[in-house]
Amino acid sequence: MPTNLRIGGFRFYFYSHEPNEPSHTHVDYAGASAKIWLHDASVARNIGFSAKELGRIQRMVKEHQETLQEAWNAFFDP
């Protein structure tokens, strides 16, 4: 599970066994977890985050989209 980014306690990462899915990031914080698609920062799955927290996460993904996408590409398309 490569960690790509940490912001204010939020951990952004992906699983190494998901190459056949569109690019995305998983986000964990304080026992909650979400899966966010990188192309539009939409929520694929949410376990425990409030709507307000998801909005914050989506903004962080949009802000760091290039970095997250580059990490995905470097791992899955070397």
N, C-alpha and C. Protein backbone atom coordinates (compact mmCIF):
# COMPACT_ATOMS: atom_id res chain seq x y z
N MET A 1 0.84 -1.18 0.00
CA MET A 1 0.00 0.00 0.00
C MET A 1 0.88 1.25 0.00
N PRO A 2 1.30 1.68 -1.14
CA PRO A 2 2.11 2.90 -1.18
C PRO A 2 1.34 4.13 -0.72
N THR A 3 1.91 4.85 0.23
CA THR A 3 1.34 6.12 0.66
C THR A 3 1.87 7.20 -0.27
N ASN A 4 0.96 7.99 -0.85
CA ASN A 4 1.34 9.01 -1.81
C ASN A 4 1.38 10.41 -1.23
N LEU A 5 0.60 10.61 -0.16
CA LEU A 5 0.46 11.97 0.36
C LEU A 5 -0.09 11.89 1.78
N ARG A 6 0.33 12.81 2.61
CA ARG A 6 -0.23 12.98 3.96
C ARG A 6 -0.50 14.47 4.14
N ILE A 7 -1.73 14.76 4.54
CA ILE A 7 -2.12 16.15 4.78
C ILE A 7 -2.95 16.19 6.05
N GLY A 8 -2.47 16.90 7.06
CA GLY A 8 -3.23 17.09 8.29
C GLY A 8 -3.82 15.84 8.88
N GLY A 9 -3.08 14.76 8.87
CA GLY A 9 -3.56 13.50 9.43
C GLY A 9 -4.27 12.60 8.43
N PHE A 10 -4.61 13.12 7.25
CA PHE A 10 -5.23 12.31 6.19
C PHE A 10 -4.12 11.57 5.45
N ARG A 11 -4.32 10.29 5.24
CA ARG A 11 -3.36 9.47 4.50
C ARG A 11 -3.97 9.08 3.15
N PHE A 12 -3.27 9.40 2.07
CA PHE A 12 -3.70 9.10 0.71
C PHE A 12 -2.82 7.97 0.18
N TYR A 13 -3.43 6.91 -0.30
CA TYR A 13 -2.66 5.75 -0.74
C TYR A 13 -3.46 4.94 -1.75
N PHE A 14 -2.83 3.95 -2.35
CA PHE A 14 -3.53 3.00 -3.20
C PHE A 14 -3.02 1.60 -2.90
N TYR A 15 -3.81 0.62 -3.28
CA TYR A 15 -3.42 -0.77 -3.13
C TYR A 15 -2.69 -1.21 -4.39
N SER A 16 -1.66 -2.00 -4.24
CA SER A 16 -0.86 -2.42 -5.38
C SER A 16 -1.54 -3.46 -6.25
N HIS A 17 -2.66 -4.01 -5.82
CA HIS A 17 -3.36 -5.03 -6.59
C HIS A 17 -4.63 -4.51 -7.29
N GLU A 18 -4.66 -3.24 -7.63
CA GLU A 18 -5.84 -2.65 -8.28
C GLU A 18 -5.52 -2.03 -9.66
N PRO A 19 -4.68 -2.65 -10.46
CA PRO A 19 -4.28 -2.01 -11.72
C PRO A 19 -5.37 -1.96 -12.79
N ASN A 20 -6.40 -2.76 -12.66
CA ASN A 20 -7.45 -2.80 -13.69
C ASN A 20 -8.58 -1.83 -13.43
N GLU A 21 -8.49 -1.06 -12.39
CA GLU A 21 -9.48 -0.04 -12.09
C GLU A 21 -8.98 1.32 -12.57
N PRO A 22 -9.89 2.25 -12.81
CA PRO A 22 -9.44 3.61 -13.12
C PRO A 22 -8.62 4.17 -11.95
N SER A 23 -7.78 5.14 -12.23
CA SER A 23 -6.93 5.69 -11.17
C SER A 23 -7.79 6.29 -10.06
N HIS A 24 -7.34 6.04 -8.84
CA HIS A 24 -8.06 6.49 -7.66
C HIS A 24 -7.11 6.53 -6.47
N THR A 25 -7.60 7.08 -5.39
CA THR A 25 -6.84 7.07 -4.15
C THR A 25 -7.77 6.64 -3.02
N HIS A 26 -7.20 5.98 -2.06
CA HIS A 26 -7.90 5.68 -0.82
C HIS A 26 -7.44 6.73 0.19
N VAL A 27 -8.33 7.10 1.09
CA VAL A 27 -8.02 8.12 2.09
C VAL A 27 -8.48 7.60 3.45
N ASP A 28 -7.60 7.62 4.42
CA ASP A 28 -7.93 7.21 5.78
C ASP A 28 -7.69 8.37 6.74
N TYR A 29 -8.53 8.44 7.75
CA TYR A 29 -8.35 9.43 8.81
C TYR A 29 -9.20 9.01 9.99
N ALA A 30 -8.59 8.85 11.15
CA ALA A 30 -9.30 8.60 12.40
C ALA A 30 -10.34 7.48 12.29
N GLY A 31 -9.96 6.38 11.65
CA GLY A 31 -10.85 5.24 11.56
C GLY A 31 -11.85 5.27 10.41
N ALA A 32 -11.92 6.36 9.68
CA ALA A 32 -12.79 6.47 8.51
C ALA A 32 -11.97 6.22 7.25
N SER A 33 -12.66 5.80 6.18
CA SER A 33 -11.97 5.48 4.94
C SER A 33 -12.85 5.82 3.75
N ALA A 34 -12.21 6.28 2.67
CA ALA A 34 -12.95 6.59 1.44
C ALA A 34 -12.08 6.22 0.24
N LYS A 35 -12.75 6.01 -0.88
CA LYS A 35 -12.09 5.77 -2.16
C LYS A 35 -12.56 6.85 -3.10
N ILE A 36 -11.61 7.58 -3.70
CA ILE A 36 -11.92 8.74 -4.53
C ILE A 36 -11.31 8.53 -5.92
N TRP A 37 -12.15 8.68 -6.97
CA TRP A 37 -11.65 8.60 -8.34
C TRP A 37 -10.84 9.86 -8.64
N LEU A 38 -9.69 9.71 -9.27
CA LEU A 38 -8.82 10.85 -9.51
C LEU A 38 -9.30 11.74 -10.67
N HIS A 39 -9.96 11.18 -11.68
CA HIS A 39 -10.31 11.98 -12.85
C HIS A 39 -11.30 13.11 -12.52
N ASP A 40 -12.16 12.90 -11.53
CA ASP A 40 -13.12 13.96 -11.20
C ASP A 40 -13.31 14.16 -9.69
N ALA A 41 -12.51 13.48 -8.90
CA ALA A 41 -12.55 13.58 -7.43
C ALA A 41 -13.90 13.17 -6.86
N SER A 42 -14.63 12.31 -7.58
CA SER A 42 -15.91 11.83 -7.05
C SER A 42 -15.67 10.68 -6.08
N VAL A 43 -16.61 10.48 -5.20
CA VAL A 43 -16.50 9.47 -4.15
C VAL A 43 -16.99 8.13 -4.70
N ALA A 44 -16.11 7.14 -4.66
CA ALA A 44 -16.48 5.79 -5.09
C ALA A 44 -17.02 4.99 -3.90
N ARG A 45 -16.49 5.26 -2.71
CA ARG A 45 -16.91 4.55 -1.50
C ARG A 45 -16.58 5.40 -0.29
N ASN A 46 -17.42 5.31 0.71
CA ASN A 46 -17.20 6.06 1.94
C ASN A 46 -17.61 5.21 3.13
N ILE A 47 -16.73 5.12 4.09
CA ILE A 47 -17.05 4.44 5.35
C ILE A 47 -16.64 5.37 6.49
N GLY A 48 -17.58 6.11 7.01
CA GLY A 48 -17.34 6.89 8.21
C GLY A 48 -17.09 8.37 8.08
N PHE A 49 -16.85 8.89 6.89
CA PHE A 49 -16.65 10.33 6.75
C PHE A 49 -18.00 11.03 6.63
N SER A 50 -18.10 12.21 7.22
CA SER A 50 -19.30 13.04 7.07
C SER A 50 -19.26 13.71 5.70
N ALA A 51 -20.37 14.26 5.28
CA ALA A 51 -20.43 14.98 4.00
C ALA A 51 -19.44 16.14 3.99
N LYS A 52 -19.30 16.82 5.10
CA LYS A 52 -18.35 17.94 5.20
C LYS A 52 -16.91 17.45 5.02
N GLU A 53 -16.58 16.34 5.68
CA GLU A 53 -15.24 15.78 5.55
C GLU A 53 -14.97 15.31 4.12
N LEU A 54 -15.97 14.70 3.48
CA LEU A 54 -15.81 14.26 2.09
C LEU A 54 -15.55 15.45 1.17
N GLY A 55 -16.24 16.55 1.40
CA GLY A 55 -16.00 17.75 0.62
C GLY A 55 -14.56 18.23 0.77
N ARG A 56 -14.08 18.19 1.99
CA ARG A 56 -12.68 18.59 2.24
C ARG A 56 -11.72 17.65 1.52
N ILE A 57 -11.99 16.35 1.59
CA ILE A 57 -11.14 15.37 0.92
C ILE A 57 -11.16 15.59 -0.58
N GLN A 58 -12.33 15.82 -1.15
CA GLN A 58 -12.43 16.06 -2.59
C GLN A 58 -11.64 17.30 -3.00
N ARG A 59 -11.67 18.34 -2.19
CA ARG A 59 -10.88 19.53 -2.48
C ARG A 59 -9.38 19.22 -2.44
N MET A 60 -8.97 18.40 -1.46
CA MET A 60 -7.55 18.03 -1.37
C MET A 60 -7.14 17.19 -2.57
N VAL A 61 -8.00 16.28 -3.00
CA VAL A 61 -7.68 15.46 -4.18
C VAL A 61 -7.55 16.35 -5.41
N LYS A 62 -8.46 17.28 -5.59
CA LYS A 62 -8.38 18.19 -6.74
C LYS A 62 -7.10 19.02 -6.69
N GLU A 63 -6.76 19.49 -5.50
CA GLU A 63 -5.56 20.33 -5.35
C GLU A 63 -4.29 19.55 -5.65
N HIS A 64 -4.28 18.26 -5.33
CA HIS A 64 -3.08 17.43 -5.48
C HIS A 64 -3.27 16.36 -6.55
N GLN A 65 -4.21 16.58 -7.44
CA GLN A 65 -4.56 15.59 -8.45
C GLN A 65 -3.35 15.18 -9.30
N GLU A 66 -2.56 16.13 -9.71
CA GLU A 66 -1.40 15.84 -10.55
C GLU A 66 -0.41 14.93 -9.83
N THR A 67 -0.12 15.24 -8.58
CA THR A 67 0.81 14.43 -7.78
C THR A 67 0.28 13.02 -7.60
N LEU A 68 -1.01 12.91 -7.28
CA LEU A 68 -1.62 11.60 -7.06
C LEU A 68 -1.64 10.78 -8.35
N GLN A 69 -1.97 11.44 -9.46
CA GLN A 69 -2.01 10.74 -10.75
C GLN A 69 -0.61 10.29 -11.17
N GLU A 70 0.38 11.13 -10.95
CA GLU A 70 1.76 10.77 -11.28
C GLU A 70 2.22 9.55 -10.47
N ALA A 71 1.85 9.50 -9.20
CA ALA A 71 2.21 8.36 -8.36
C ALA A 71 1.54 7.09 -8.87
N TRP A 72 0.27 7.19 -9.26
CA TRP A 72 -0.46 6.06 -9.81
C TRP A 72 0.23 5.56 -11.09
N ASN A 73 0.50 6.49 -11.99
CA ASN A 73 1.11 6.14 -13.26
C ASN A 73 2.50 5.52 -13.07
N ALA A 74 3.28 6.08 -12.18
CA ALA A 74 4.62 5.56 -11.93
C ALA A 74 4.58 4.13 -11.40
N PHE A 75 3.58 3.83 -10.61
CA PHE A 75 3.49 2.48 -10.03
C PHE A 75 2.92 1.47 -11.02
N PHE A 76 1.84 1.83 -11.72
CA PHE A 76 1.15 0.88 -12.57
C PHE A 76 1.60 0.89 -14.03
N ASP A 77 2.21 1.99 -14.48
CA ASP A 77 2.68 2.10 -15.86
C ASP A 77 4.15 2.52 -15.88
N PRO A 78 5.04 1.71 -15.31
CA PRO A 78 6.44 2.15 -15.19
C PRO A 78 7.15 2.34 -16.52
